[in-house]
Amino acid sequence: MQRKFLRSKLHTVRVTSKNLEYEGSLTLDPRFMIAAELEPFESVWVYNLENGERFETYVIKGEWGSREVCLNGAAARKGEIGDRLIVVSYAWLSPEEIEAAKVKIVYVDQENNILEERTFPIRE
């Protein structure tokens, strides 16, 4: 049996732009993707702290160093510029994988500058 665990989290990134006419996804500065160990087109959940919206989408690379967080397509209706988001990825783990698994959390400031990256074991 596999169980679902948090794998990585971008904590309180702010929406910098919206693009309703895009096919759909969440554009991120590649620095965020590297820090949170996210791959292009990987599925993520997005939680909007300002309005309570929660939705699933996938990430695409934005411009390096831009601090970009852009809601695209239908997701553009789920938030406004300046909204704080939590972006998370999950992993399905077997009992054997749980022992070695770690969670990566990336904290940012109000201008989307990475402040800290922390790694936690699922089991201690």
PDB file of N, CA and C in Angstrom:
ATOM      1  N   MET A   1       0.850  -1.185   0.000  1.00  0.00           N
ATOM      2  CA  MET A   1       0.000   0.000   0.000  1.00  0.00           C
ATOM      3  C   MET A   1       0.894   1.246   0.000  1.00  0.00           C
ATOM      4  N   GLN A   2       0.538   2.195  -0.818  1.00  0.00           N
ATOM      5  CA  GLN A   2       1.259   3.472  -0.824  1.00  0.00           C
ATOM      6  C   GLN A   2       0.427   4.522  -0.111  1.00  0.00           C
ATOM      7  N   ARG A   3       1.143   5.497   0.460  1.00  0.00           N
ATOM      8  CA  ARG A   3       0.506   6.608   1.158  1.00  0.00           C
ATOM      9  C   ARG A   3       1.014   7.912   0.558  1.00  0.00           C
ATOM     10  N   LYS A   4       0.156   8.936   0.585  1.00  0.00           N
ATOM     11  CA  LYS A   4       0.476  10.235  -0.012  1.00  0.00           C
ATOM     12  C   LYS A   4       1.077  11.168   1.031  1.00  0.00           C
ATOM     13  N   PHE A   5       2.253  11.757   0.691  1.00  0.00           N
ATOM     14  CA  PHE A   5       2.961  12.661   1.593  1.00  0.00           C
ATOM     15  C   PHE A   5       3.324  13.946   0.866  1.00  0.00           C
ATOM     16  N   LEU A   6       3.446  15.025   1.642  1.00  0.00           N
ATOM     17  CA  LEU A   6       4.002  16.266   1.118  1.00  0.00           C
ATOM     18  C   LEU A   6       5.435  15.990   0.664  1.00  0.00           C
ATOM     19  N   ARG A   7       5.790  16.451  -0.531  1.00  0.00           N
ATOM     20  CA  ARG A   7       7.150  16.289  -1.051  1.00  0.00           C
ATOM     21  C   ARG A   7       7.907  17.608  -1.017  1.00  0.00           C
ATOM     22  N   SER A   8       7.227  18.705  -1.447  1.00  0.00           N
ATOM     23  CA  SER A   8       7.871  20.019  -1.420  1.00  0.00           C
ATOM     24  C   SER A   8       6.812  21.108  -1.330  1.00  0.00           C
ATOM     25  N   LYS A   9       7.277  22.291  -0.861  1.00  0.00           N
ATOM     26  CA  LYS A   9       6.346  23.419  -0.697  1.00  0.00           C
ATOM     27  C   LYS A   9       7.071  24.730  -0.915  1.00  0.00           C
ATOM     28  N   LEU A  10       6.450  25.597  -1.712  1.00  0.00           N
ATOM     29  CA  LEU A  10       6.843  27.006  -1.813  1.00  0.00           C
ATOM     30  C   LEU A  10       5.881  27.753  -0.903  1.00  0.00           C
ATOM     31  N   HIS A  11       6.409  28.371   0.145  1.00  0.00           N
ATOM     32  CA  HIS A  11       5.558  28.974   1.162  1.00  0.00           C
ATOM     33  C   HIS A  11       5.415  30.476   0.964  1.00  0.00           C
ATOM     34  N   THR A  12       4.242  30.899   0.658  1.00  0.00           N
ATOM     35  CA  THR A  12       3.786  32.286   0.495  1.00  0.00           C
ATOM     36  C   THR A  12       4.468  33.053  -0.636  1.00  0.00           C
ATOM     37  N   VAL A  13       4.575  32.411  -1.803  1.00  0.00           N
ATOM     38  CA  VAL A  13       4.979  33.186  -2.981  1.00  0.00           C
ATOM     39  C   VAL A  13       3.812  34.091  -3.361  1.00  0.00           C
ATOM     40  N   ARG A  14       4.132  35.233  -3.952  1.00  0.00           N
ATOM     41  CA  ARG A  14       3.085  36.189  -4.333  1.00  0.00           C
ATOM     42  C   ARG A  14       2.864  36.173  -5.836  1.00  0.00           C
ATOM     43  N   VAL A  15       1.596  36.247  -6.220  1.00  0.00           N
ATOM     44  CA  VAL A  15       1.229  36.304  -7.632  1.00  0.00           C
ATOM     45  C   VAL A  15       1.761  37.605  -8.221  1.00  0.00           C
ATOM     46  N   THR A  16       2.507  37.489  -9.326  1.00  0.00           N
ATOM     47  CA  THR A  16       3.068  38.676  -9.978  1.00  0.00           C
ATOM     48  C   THR A  16       2.321  39.039 -11.248  1.00  0.00           C
ATOM     49  N   SER A  17       1.605  38.063 -11.849  1.00  0.00           N
ATOM     50  CA  SER A  17       0.861  38.355 -13.072  1.00  0.00           C
ATOM     51  C   SER A  17      -0.186  37.276 -13.310  1.00  0.00           C
ATOM     52  N   LYS A  18      -1.084  37.587 -14.250  1.00  0.00           N
ATOM     53  CA  LYS A  18      -2.153  36.672 -14.649  1.00  0.00           C
ATOM     54  C   LYS A  18      -2.254  36.699 -16.166  1.00  0.00           C
ATOM     55  N   ASN A  19      -2.570  35.548 -16.765  1.00  0.00           N
ATOM     56  CA  ASN A  19      -2.720  35.471 -18.216  1.00  0.00           C
ATOM     57  C   ASN A  19      -3.864  34.514 -18.532  1.00  0.00           C
ATOM     58  N   LEU A  20      -5.065  35.061 -18.637  1.00  0.00           N
ATOM     59  CA  LEU A  20      -6.261  34.258 -18.875  1.00  0.00           C
ATOM     60  C   LEU A  20      -6.198  33.514 -20.198  1.00  0.00           C
ATOM     61  N   GLU A  21      -5.546  34.075 -21.202  1.00  0.00           N
ATOM     62  CA  GLU A  21      -5.543  33.488 -22.546  1.00  0.00           C
ATOM     63  C   GLU A  21      -4.527  32.373 -22.737  1.00  0.00           C
ATOM     64  N   TYR A  22      -3.742  32.052 -21.720  1.00  0.00           N
ATOM     65  CA  TYR A  22      -2.785  30.960 -21.835  1.00  0.00           C
ATOM     66  C   TYR A  22      -3.512  29.634 -21.691  1.00  0.00           C
ATOM     67  N   GLU A  23      -2.925  28.550 -22.174  1.00  0.00           N
ATOM     68  CA  GLU A  23      -3.563  27.232 -22.146  1.00  0.00           C
ATOM     69  C   GLU A  23      -3.842  26.733 -20.726  1.00  0.00           C
ATOM     70  N   GLY A  24      -3.061  27.178 -19.769  1.00  0.00           N
ATOM     71  CA  GLY A  24      -3.322  26.797 -18.394  1.00  0.00           C
ATOM     72  C   GLY A  24      -2.106  26.240 -17.698  1.00  0.00           C
ATOM     73  N   SER A  25      -1.794  26.741 -16.546  1.00  0.00           N
ATOM     74  CA  SER A  25      -0.685  26.273 -15.726  1.00  0.00           C
ATOM     75  C   SER A  25      -0.285  27.379 -14.766  1.00  0.00           C
ATOM     76  N   LEU A  26       0.824  27.142 -14.082  1.00  0.00           N
ATOM     77  CA  LEU A  26       1.400  28.113 -13.177  1.00  0.00           C
ATOM     78  C   LEU A  26       2.832  28.356 -13.622  1.00  0.00           C
ATOM     79  N   THR A  27       3.125  29.575 -14.083  1.00  0.00           N
ATOM     80  CA  THR A  27       4.488  29.911 -14.492  1.00  0.00           C
ATOM     81  C   THR A  27       5.278  30.324 -13.264  1.00  0.00           C
ATOM     82  N   LEU A  28       6.471  29.715 -13.096  1.00  0.00           N
ATOM     83  CA  LEU A  28       7.338  30.027 -11.961  1.00  0.00           C
ATOM     84  C   LEU A  28       8.742  30.359 -12.433  1.00  0.00           C
ATOM     85  N   ASP A  29       9.374  31.286 -11.734  1.00  0.00           N
ATOM     86  CA  ASP A  29      10.805  31.531 -11.906  1.00  0.00           C
ATOM     87  C   ASP A  29      11.498  30.189 -11.701  1.00  0.00           C
ATOM     88  N   PRO A  30      12.384  29.765 -12.612  1.00  0.00           N
ATOM     89  CA  PRO A  30      13.064  28.476 -12.447  1.00  0.00           C
ATOM     90  C   PRO A  30      13.820  28.338 -11.125  1.00  0.00           C
ATOM     91  N   ARG A  31      14.203  29.450 -10.524  1.00  0.00           N
ATOM     92  CA  ARG A  31      14.868  29.365  -9.208  1.00  0.00           C
ATOM     93  C   ARG A  31      13.931  28.754  -8.177  1.00  0.00           C
ATOM     94  N   PHE A  32      12.636  29.098  -8.244  1.00  0.00           N
ATOM     95  CA  PHE A  32      11.656  28.486  -7.336  1.00  0.00           C
ATOM     96  C   PHE A  32      11.541  26.988  -7.612  1.00  0.00           C
ATOM     97  N   MET A  33      11.541  26.636  -8.904  1.00  0.00           N
ATOM     98  CA  MET A  33      11.395  25.229  -9.270  1.00  0.00           C
ATOM     99  C   MET A  33      12.577  24.407  -8.768  1.00  0.00           C
ATOM    100  N   ILE A  34      13.778  24.936  -8.927  1.00  0.00           N
ATOM    101  CA  ILE A  34      14.969  24.227  -8.452  1.00  0.00           C
ATOM    102  C   ILE A  34      14.936  24.110  -6.932  1.00  0.00           C
ATOM    103  N   ALA A  35      14.636  25.199  -6.253  1.00  0.00           N
ATOM    104  CA  ALA A  35      14.628  25.197  -4.795  1.00  0.00           C
ATOM    105  C   ALA A  35      13.610  24.197  -4.238  1.00  0.00           C
ATOM    106  N   ALA A  36      12.437  24.114  -4.866  1.00  0.00           N
ATOM    107  CA  ALA A  36      11.380  23.209  -4.402  1.00  0.00           C
ATOM    108  C   ALA A  36      11.431  21.852  -5.095  1.00  0.00           C
ATOM    109  N   GLU A  37      12.460  21.647  -5.911  1.00  0.00           N
ATOM    110  CA  GLU A  37      12.651  20.371  -6.614  1.00  0.00           C
ATOM    111  C   GLU A  37      11.447  20.008  -7.481  1.00  0.00           C
ATOM    112  N   LEU A  38      10.959  21.000  -8.230  1.00  0.00           N
ATOM    113  CA  LEU A  38       9.841  20.800  -9.146  1.00  0.00           C
ATOM    114  C   LEU A  38      10.357  20.708 -10.574  1.00  0.00           C
ATOM    115  N   GLU A  39       9.794  19.799 -11.333  1.00  0.00           N
ATOM    116  CA  GLU A  39      10.140  19.632 -12.742  1.00  0.00           C
ATOM    117  C   GLU A  39       9.106  20.336 -13.613  1.00  0.00           C
ATOM    118  N   PRO A  40       9.508  20.773 -14.817  1.00  0.00           N
ATOM    119  CA  PRO A  40       8.519  21.347 -15.733  1.00  0.00           C
ATOM    120  C   PRO A  40       7.384  20.347 -15.971  1.00  0.00           C
ATOM    121  N   PHE A  41       6.173  20.848 -15.963  1.00  0.00           N
ATOM    122  CA  PHE A  41       4.952  20.082 -16.216  1.00  0.00           C
ATOM    123  C   PHE A  41       4.563  19.162 -15.062  1.00  0.00           C
ATOM    124  N   GLU A  42       5.242  19.298 -13.926  1.00  0.00           N
ATOM    125  CA  GLU A  42       4.866  18.499 -12.759  1.00  0.00           C
ATOM    126  C   GLU A  42       3.582  19.052 -12.146  1.00  0.00           C
ATOM    127  N   SER A  43       2.743  18.154 -11.701  1.00  0.00           N
ATOM    128  CA  SER A  43       1.490  18.511 -11.054  1.00  0.00           C
ATOM    129  C   SER A  43       1.747  19.119  -9.682  1.00  0.00           C
ATOM    130  N   VAL A  44       1.024  20.190  -9.376  1.00  0.00           N
ATOM    131  CA  VAL A  44       1.101  20.836  -8.064  1.00  0.00           C
ATOM    132  C   VAL A  44      -0.305  21.233  -7.615  1.00  0.00           C
ATOM    133  N   TRP A  45      -0.433  21.386  -6.322  1.00  0.00           N
ATOM    134  CA  TRP A  45      -1.631  21.988  -5.750  1.00  0.00           C
ATOM    135  C   TRP A  45      -1.277  23.409  -5.334  1.00  0.00           C
ATOM    136  N   VAL A  46      -2.207  24.324  -5.522  1.00  0.00           N
ATOM    137  CA  VAL A  46      -2.005  25.730  -5.184  1.00  0.00           C
ATOM    138  C   VAL A  46      -3.097  26.131  -4.199  1.00  0.00           C
ATOM    139  N   TYR A  47      -2.671  26.712  -3.080  1.00  0.00           N
ATOM    140  CA  TYR A  47      -3.595  27.168  -2.045  1.00  0.00           C
ATOM    141  C   TYR A  47      -3.435  28.678  -1.908  1.00  0.00           C
ATOM    142  N   ASN A  48      -4.528  29.417  -2.146  1.00  0.00           N
ATOM    143  CA  ASN A  48      -4.501  30.876  -2.091  1.00  0.00           C
ATOM    144  C   ASN A  48      -4.897  31.319  -0.686  1.00  0.00           C
ATOM    145  N   LEU A  49      -3.958  31.950   0.025  1.00  0.00           N
ATOM    146  CA  LEU A  49      -4.216  32.381   1.393  1.00  0.00           C
ATOM    147  C   LEU A  49      -5.192  33.560   1.480  1.00  0.00           C
ATOM    148  N   GLU A  50      -5.351  34.287   0.389  1.00  0.00           N
ATOM    149  CA  GLU A  50      -6.203  35.482   0.424  1.00  0.00           C
ATOM    150  C   GLU A  50      -7.683  35.157   0.254  1.00  0.00           C
ATOM    151  N   ASN A  51      -8.007  34.166  -0.581  1.00  0.00           N
ATOM    152  CA  ASN A  51      -9.414  33.891  -0.871  1.00  0.00           C
ATOM    153  C   ASN A  51      -9.835  32.444  -0.613  1.00  0.00           C
ATOM    154  N   GLY A  52      -8.902  31.609  -0.171  1.00  0.00           N
ATOM    155  CA  GLY A  52      -9.237  30.225   0.155  1.00  0.00           C
ATOM    156  C   GLY A  52      -9.317  29.282  -1.035  1.00  0.00           C
ATOM    157  N   GLU A  53      -9.082  29.774  -2.245  1.00  0.00           N
ATOM    158  CA  GLU A  53      -9.121  28.910  -3.423  1.00  0.00           C
ATOM    159  C   GLU A  53      -8.044  27.839  -3.332  1.00  0.00           C
ATOM    160  N   ARG A  54      -8.383  26.646  -3.791  1.00  0.00           N
ATOM    161  CA  ARG A  54      -7.455  25.513  -3.837  1.00  0.00           C
ATOM    162  C   ARG A  54      -7.660  24.852  -5.190  1.00  0.00           C
ATOM    163  N   PHE A  55      -6.554  24.667  -5.933  1.00  0.00           N
ATOM    164  CA  PHE A  55      -6.691  24.040  -7.245  1.00  0.00           C
ATOM    165  C   PHE A  55      -5.420  23.295  -7.617  1.00  0.00           C
ATOM    166  N   GLU A  56      -5.591  22.364  -8.526  1.00  0.00           N
ATOM    167  CA  GLU A  56      -4.467  21.591  -9.034  1.00  0.00           C
ATOM    168  C   GLU A  56      -4.136  22.065 -10.438  1.00  0.00           C
ATOM    169  N   THR A  57      -2.861  22.176 -10.737  1.00  0.00           N
ATOM    170  CA  THR A  57      -2.399  22.558 -12.065  1.00  0.00           C
ATOM    171  C   THR A  57      -1.010  21.968 -12.260  1.00  0.00           C
ATOM    172  N   TYR A  58      -0.251  22.499 -13.197  1.00  0.00           N
ATOM    173  CA  TYR A  58       1.126  22.054 -13.404  1.00  0.00           C
ATOM    174  C   TYR A  58       2.005  23.281 -13.568  1.00  0.00           C
ATOM    175  N   VAL A  59       3.312  23.103 -13.364  1.00  0.00           N
ATOM    176  CA  VAL A  59       4.222  24.240 -13.441  1.00  0.00           C
ATOM    177  C   VAL A  59       4.946  24.278 -14.777  1.00  0.00           C
ATOM    178  N   ILE A  60       5.233  25.507 -15.221  1.00  0.00           N
ATOM    179  CA  ILE A  60       6.085  25.722 -16.391  1.00  0.00           C
ATOM    180  C   ILE A  60       7.131  26.766 -16.014  1.00  0.00           C
ATOM    181  N   LYS A  61       8.264  26.698 -16.709  1.00  0.00           N
ATOM    182  CA  LYS A  61       9.365  27.622 -16.431  1.00  0.00           C
ATOM    183  C   LYS A  61       9.076  29.014 -16.932  1.00  0.00           C
ATOM    184  N   GLY A  62       9.334  29.976 -16.061  1.00  0.00           N
ATOM    185  CA  GLY A  62       9.313  31.379 -16.453  1.00  0.00           C
ATOM    186  C   GLY A  62      10.735  31.835 -16.736  1.00  0.00           C
ATOM    187  N   GLU A  63      10.953  33.104 -16.588  1.00  0.00           N
ATOM    188  CA  GLU A  63      12.275  33.690 -16.835  1.00  0.00           C
ATOM    189  C   GLU A  63      13.127  33.614 -15.574  1.00  0.00           C
ATOM    190  N   TRP A  64      14.370  33.178 -15.743  1.00  0.00           N
ATOM    191  CA  TRP A  64      15.307  33.042 -14.630  1.00  0.00           C
ATOM    192  C   TRP A  64      15.500  34.381 -13.916  1.00  0.00           C
ATOM    193  N   GLY A  65      15.357  34.372 -12.602  1.00  0.00           N
ATOM    194  CA  GLY A  65      15.599  35.569 -11.796  1.00  0.00           C
ATOM    195  C   GLY A  65      14.456  36.562 -11.776  1.00  0.00           C
ATOM    196  N   SER A  66      13.352  36.241 -12.425  1.00  0.00           N
ATOM    197  CA  SER A  66      12.225  37.178 -12.526  1.00  0.00           C
ATOM    198  C   SER A  66      11.370  37.227 -11.262  1.00  0.00           C
ATOM    199  N   ARG A  67      11.472  36.214 -10.412  1.00  0.00           N
ATOM    200  CA  ARG A  67      10.610  36.036  -9.239  1.00  0.00           C
ATOM    201  C   ARG A  67       9.138  35.898  -9.646  1.00  0.00           C
ATOM    202  N   GLU A  68       8.931  35.470 -10.880  1.00  0.00           N
ATOM    203  CA  GLU A  68       7.600  35.372 -11.463  1.00  0.00           C
ATOM    204  C   GLU A  68       6.776  34.245 -10.850  1.00  0.00           C
ATOM    205  N   VAL A  69       5.501  34.565 -10.597  1.00  0.00           N
ATOM    206  CA  VAL A  69       4.473  33.604 -10.223  1.00  0.00           C
ATOM    207  C   VAL A  69       3.235  34.047 -10.995  1.00  0.00           C
ATOM    208  N   CYS A  70       2.966  33.380 -12.111  1.00  0.00           N
ATOM    209  CA  CYS A  70       1.886  33.802 -13.004  1.00  0.00           C
ATOM    210  C   CYS A  70       0.791  32.743 -13.061  1.00  0.00           C
ATOM    211  N   LEU A  71      -0.426  33.168 -12.771  1.00  0.00           N
ATOM    212  CA  LEU A  71      -1.591  32.299 -12.911  1.00  0.00           C
ATOM    213  C   LEU A  71      -2.054  32.343 -14.354  1.00  0.00           C
ATOM    214  N   ASN A  72      -2.089  31.184 -15.002  1.00  0.00           N
ATOM    215  CA  ASN A  72      -2.439  31.103 -16.422  1.00  0.00           C
ATOM    216  C   ASN A  72      -3.764  30.374 -16.642  1.00  0.00           C
ATOM    217  N   GLY A  73      -4.431  30.710 -17.739  1.00  0.00           N
ATOM    218  CA  GLY A  73      -5.666  30.027 -18.115  1.00  0.00           C
ATOM    219  C   GLY A  73      -6.724  30.157 -17.035  1.00  0.00           C
ATOM    220  N   ALA A  74      -7.430  29.063 -16.786  1.00  0.00           N
ATOM    221  CA  ALA A  74      -8.500  29.074 -15.780  1.00  0.00           C
ATOM    222  C   ALA A  74      -7.979  29.451 -14.399  1.00  0.00           C
ATOM    223  N   ALA A  75      -6.722  29.117 -14.103  1.00  0.00           N
ATOM    224  CA  ALA A  75      -6.134  29.465 -12.800  1.00  0.00           C
ATOM    225  C   ALA A  75      -6.088  30.972 -12.588  1.00  0.00           C
ATOM    226  N   ALA A  76      -6.090  31.751 -13.681  1.00  0.00           N
ATOM    227  CA  ALA A  76      -6.064  33.212 -13.563  1.00  0.00           C
ATOM    228  C   ALA A  76      -7.312  33.736 -12.861  1.00  0.00           C
ATOM    229  N   ARG A  77      -8.355  32.930 -12.816  1.00  0.00           N
ATOM    230  CA  ARG A  77      -9.588  33.315 -12.120  1.00  0.00           C
ATOM    231  C   ARG A  77      -9.534  32.995 -10.627  1.00  0.00           C
ATOM    232  N   LYS A  78      -8.463  32.311 -10.195  1.00  0.00           N
ATOM    233  CA  LYS A  78      -8.370  31.829  -8.816  1.00  0.00           C
ATOM    234  C   LYS A  78      -7.602  32.757  -7.889  1.00  0.00           C
ATOM    235  N   GLY A  79      -7.101  33.867  -8.411  1.00  0.00           N
ATOM    236  CA  GLY A  79      -6.354  34.788  -7.568  1.00  0.00           C
ATOM    237  C   GLY A  79      -6.091  36.104  -8.253  1.00  0.00           C
ATOM    238  N   GLU A  80      -5.541  37.025  -7.484  1.00  0.00           N
ATOM    239  CA  GLU A  80      -5.210  38.361  -7.974  1.00  0.00           C
ATOM    240  C   GLU A  80      -3.726  38.638  -7.767  1.00  0.00           C
ATOM    241  N   ILE A  81      -3.207  39.586  -8.515  1.00  0.00           N
ATOM    242  CA  ILE A  81      -1.812  39.998  -8.350  1.00  0.00           C
ATOM    243  C   ILE A  81      -1.611  40.439  -6.900  1.00  0.00           C
ATOM    244  N   GLY A  82      -0.565  39.923  -6.282  1.00  0.00           N
ATOM    245  CA  GLY A  82      -0.266  40.219  -4.885  1.00  0.00           C
ATOM    246  C   GLY A  82      -0.752  39.161  -3.909  1.00  0.00           C
ATOM    247  N   ASP A  83      -1.641  38.276  -4.344  1.00  0.00           N
ATOM    248  CA  ASP A  83      -2.121  37.214  -3.457  1.00  0.00           C
ATOM    249  C   ASP A  83      -0.974  36.307  -3.046  1.00  0.00           C
ATOM    250  N   ARG A  84      -1.010  35.840  -1.798  1.00  0.00           N
ATOM    251  CA  ARG A  84      -0.020  34.893  -1.291  1.00  0.00           C
ATOM    252  C   ARG A  84      -0.505  33.469  -1.564  1.00  0.00           C
ATOM    253  N   LEU A  85       0.382  32.679  -2.155  1.00  0.00           N
ATOM    254  CA  LEU A  85       0.062  31.297  -2.491  1.00  0.00           C
ATOM    255  C   LEU A  85       1.007  30.341  -1.775  1.00  0.00           C
ATOM    256  N   ILE A  86       0.492  29.169  -1.495  1.00  0.00           N
ATOM    257  CA  ILE A  86       1.315  28.038  -1.088  1.00  0.00           C
ATOM    258  C   ILE A  86       1.216  27.040  -2.234  1.00  0.00           C
ATOM    259  N   VAL A  87       2.361  26.656  -2.781  1.00  0.00           N
ATOM    260  CA  VAL A  87       2.412  25.721  -3.910  1.00  0.00           C
ATOM    261  C   VAL A  87       3.059  24.442  -3.400  1.00  0.00           C
ATOM    262  N   VAL A  88       2.353  23.325  -3.528  1.00  0.00           N
ATOM    263  CA  VAL A  88       2.860  22.073  -2.972  1.00  0.00           C
ATOM    264  C   VAL A  88       2.849  20.951  -3.999  1.00  0.00           C
ATOM    265  N   SER A  89       3.797  20.037  -3.817  1.00  0.00           N
ATOM    266  CA  SER A  89       3.798  18.791  -4.580  1.00  0.00           C
ATOM    267  C   SER A  89       3.730  17.649  -3.580  1.00  0.00           C
ATOM    268  N   TYR A  90       3.116  16.566  -4.015  1.00  0.00           N
ATOM    269  CA  TYR A  90       2.966  15.384  -3.180  1.00  0.00           C
ATOM    270  C   TYR A  90       3.624  14.196  -3.853  1.00  0.00           C
ATOM    271  N   ALA A  91       3.904  13.178  -3.056  1.00  0.00           N
ATOM    272  CA  ALA A  91       4.475  11.940  -3.583  1.00  0.00           C
ATOM    273  C   ALA A  91       3.776  10.759  -2.925  1.00  0.00           C
ATOM    274  N   TRP A  92       3.565   9.722  -3.718  1.00  0.00           N
ATOM    275  CA  TRP A  92       3.039   8.467  -3.187  1.00  0.00           C
ATOM    276  C   TRP A  92       4.225   7.602  -2.819  1.00  0.00           C
ATOM    277  N   LEU A  93       4.284   7.169  -1.556  1.00  0.00           N
ATOM    278  CA  LEU A  93       5.424   6.413  -1.060  1.00  0.00           C
ATOM    279  C   LEU A  93       4.985   5.050  -0.519  1.00  0.00           C
ATOM    280  N   SER A  94       5.816   4.075  -0.779  1.00  0.00           N
ATOM    281  CA  SER A  94       5.609   2.748  -0.182  1.00  0.00           C
ATOM    282  C   SER A  94       6.135   2.798   1.249  1.00  0.00           C
ATOM    283  N   PRO A  95       5.762   1.841   2.099  1.00  0.00           N
ATOM    284  CA  PRO A  95       6.293   1.837   3.471  1.00  0.00           C
ATOM    285  C   PRO A  95       7.818   1.856   3.513  1.00  0.00           C
ATOM    286  N   GLU A  96       8.456   1.201   2.570  1.00  0.00           N
ATOM    287  CA  GLU A  96       9.919   1.164   2.534  1.00  0.00           C
ATOM    288  C   GLU A  96      10.516   2.535   2.182  1.00  0.00           C
ATOM    289  N   GLU A  97       9.845   3.305   1.362  1.00  0.00           N
ATOM    290  CA  GLU A  97      10.344   4.620   0.935  1.00  0.00           C
ATOM    291  C   GLU A  97      10.173   5.698   2.008  1.00  0.00           C
ATOM    292  N   ILE A  98       9.228   5.512   2.911  1.00  0.00           N
ATOM    293  CA  ILE A  98       8.931   6.526   3.930  1.00  0.00           C
ATOM    294  C   ILE A  98      10.145   6.803   4.814  1.00  0.00           C
ATOM    295  N   GLU A  99      10.878   5.780   5.166  1.00  0.00           N
ATOM    296  CA  GLU A  99      12.016   5.931   6.071  1.00  0.00           C
ATOM    297  C   GLU A  99      13.060   6.921   5.549  1.00  0.00           C
ATOM    298  N   ALA A 100      13.317   6.896   4.238  1.00  0.00           N
ATOM    299  CA  ALA A 100      14.359   7.744   3.660  1.00  0.00           C
ATOM    300  C   ALA A 100      13.827   9.058   3.075  1.00  0.00           C
ATOM    301  N   ALA A 101      12.521   9.199   3.004  1.00  0.00           N
ATOM    302  CA  ALA A 101      11.926  10.360   2.329  1.00  0.00           C
ATOM    303  C   ALA A 101      12.107  11.643   3.135  1.00  0.00           C
ATOM    304  N   LYS A 102      12.238  12.737   2.390  1.00  0.00           N
ATOM    305  CA  LYS A 102      12.394  14.057   2.999  1.00  0.00           C
ATOM    306  C   LYS A 102      11.420  15.038   2.341  1.00  0.00           C
ATOM    307  N   VAL A 103      11.097  16.086   3.067  1.00  0.00           N
ATOM    308  CA  VAL A 103      10.218  17.150   2.591  1.00  0.00           C
ATOM    309  C   VAL A 103      11.059  18.410   2.451  1.00  0.00           C
ATOM    310  N   LYS A 104      10.904  19.117   1.324  1.00  0.00           N
ATOM    311  CA  LYS A 104      11.634  20.363   1.064  1.00  0.00           C
ATOM    312  C   LYS A 104      10.655  21.521   1.168  1.00  0.00           C
ATOM    313  N   ILE A 105      10.970  22.506   2.027  1.00  0.00           N
ATOM    314  CA  ILE A 105      10.125  23.691   2.172  1.00  0.00           C
ATOM    315  C   ILE A 105      10.967  24.928   1.873  1.00  0.00           C
ATOM    316  N   VAL A 106      10.437  25.784   0.995  1.00  0.00           N
ATOM    317  CA  VAL A 106      11.121  26.997   0.565  1.00  0.00           C
ATOM    318  C   VAL A 106      10.298  28.195   1.043  1.00  0.00           C
ATOM    319  N   TYR A 107      10.934  29.055   1.810  1.00  0.00           N
ATOM    320  CA  TYR A 107      10.281  30.242   2.351  1.00  0.00           C
ATOM    321  C   TYR A 107      10.728  31.468   1.549  1.00  0.00           C
ATOM    322  N   VAL A 108       9.783  32.360   1.265  1.00  0.00           N
ATOM    323  CA  VAL A 108      10.097  33.582   0.517  1.00  0.00           C
ATOM    324  C   VAL A 108       9.589  34.800   1.276  1.00  0.00           C
ATOM    325  N   ASP A 109      10.123  35.978   0.906  1.00  0.00           N
ATOM    326  CA  ASP A 109       9.659  37.221   1.525  1.00  0.00           C
ATOM    327  C   ASP A 109       8.549  37.839   0.672  1.00  0.00           C
ATOM    328  N   GLN A 110       8.157  39.060   1.002  1.00  0.00           N
ATOM    329  CA  GLN A 110       7.040  39.724   0.309  1.00  0.00           C
ATOM    330  C   GLN A 110       7.352  40.083  -1.133  1.00  0.00           C
ATOM    331  N   GLU A 111       8.631  40.089  -1.517  1.00  0.00           N
ATOM    332  CA  GLU A 111       9.024  40.404  -2.894  1.00  0.00           C
ATOM    333  C   GLU A 111       9.429  39.139  -3.670  1.00  0.00           C
ATOM    334  N   ASN A 112       9.076  37.965  -3.138  1.00  0.00           N
ATOM    335  CA  ASN A 112       9.400  36.680  -3.772  1.00  0.00           C
ATOM    336  C   ASN A 112      10.897  36.389  -3.821  1.00  0.00           C
ATOM    337  N   ASN A 113      11.640  36.912  -2.863  1.00  0.00           N
ATOM    338  CA  ASN A 113      13.036  36.534  -2.715  1.00  0.00           C
ATOM    339  C   ASN A 113      13.101  35.306  -1.815  1.00  0.00           C
ATOM    340  N   ILE A 114      13.880  34.319  -2.210  1.00  0.00           N
ATOM    341  CA  ILE A 114      14.020  33.130  -1.374  1.00  0.00           C
ATOM    342  C   ILE A 114      14.787  33.509  -0.114  1.00  0.00           C
ATOM    343  N   LEU A 115      14.181  33.226   1.032  1.00  0.00           N
ATOM    344  CA  LEU A 115      14.792  33.516   2.324  1.00  0.00           C
ATOM    345  C   LEU A 115      15.513  32.301   2.894  1.00  0.00           C
ATOM    346  N   GLU A 116      14.875  31.142   2.755  1.00  0.00           N
ATOM    347  CA  GLU A 116      15.398  29.944   3.400  1.00  0.00           C
ATOM    348  C   GLU A 116      14.859  28.702   2.709  1.00  0.00           C
ATOM    349  N   GLU A 117      15.694  27.679   2.659  1.00  0.00           N
ATOM    350  CA  GLU A 117      15.293  26.369   2.160  1.00  0.00           C
ATOM    351  C   GLU A 117      15.569  25.371   3.265  1.00  0.00           C
ATOM    352  N   ARG A 118      14.553  24.617   3.649  1.00  0.00           N
ATOM    353  CA  ARG A 118      14.716  23.646   4.729  1.00  0.00           C
ATOM    354  C   ARG A 118      14.276  22.270   4.268  1.00  0.00           C
ATOM    355  N   THR A 119      14.950  21.266   4.758  1.00  0.00           N
ATOM    356  CA  THR A 119      14.615  19.874   4.446  1.00  0.00           C
ATOM    357  C   THR A 119      14.325  19.155   5.745  1.00  0.00           C
ATOM    358  N   PHE A 120      13.215  18.422   5.761  1.00  0.00           N
ATOM    359  CA  PHE A 120      12.802  17.692   6.943  1.00  0.00           C
ATOM    360  C   PHE A 120      12.603  16.221   6.602  1.00  0.00           C
ATOM    361  N   PRO A 121      13.061  15.315   7.443  1.00  0.00           N
ATOM    362  CA  PRO A 121      12.734  13.910   7.237  1.00  0.00           C
ATOM    363  C   PRO A 121      11.265  13.668   7.576  1.00  0.00           C
ATOM    364  N   ILE A 122      10.631  12.752   6.870  1.00  0.00           N
ATOM    365  CA  ILE A 122       9.255  12.407   7.209  1.00  0.00           C
ATOM    366  C   ILE A 122       9.227  11.699   8.557  1.00  0.00           C
ATOM    367  N   ARG A 123      10.184  10.810   8.728  1.00  0.00           N
ATOM    368  CA  ARG A 123      10.321  10.135  10.028  1.00  0.00           C
ATOM    369  C   ARG A 123      11.654  10.519  10.629  1.00  0.00           C
ATOM    370  N   GLU A 124      11.636  10.751  11.911  1.00  0.00           N
ATOM    371  CA  GLU A 124      12.883  11.102  12.603  1.00  0.00           C
ATOM    372  C   GLU A 124      13.359   9.962  13.462  1.00  0.00           C
TER     373      GLU A 124
END
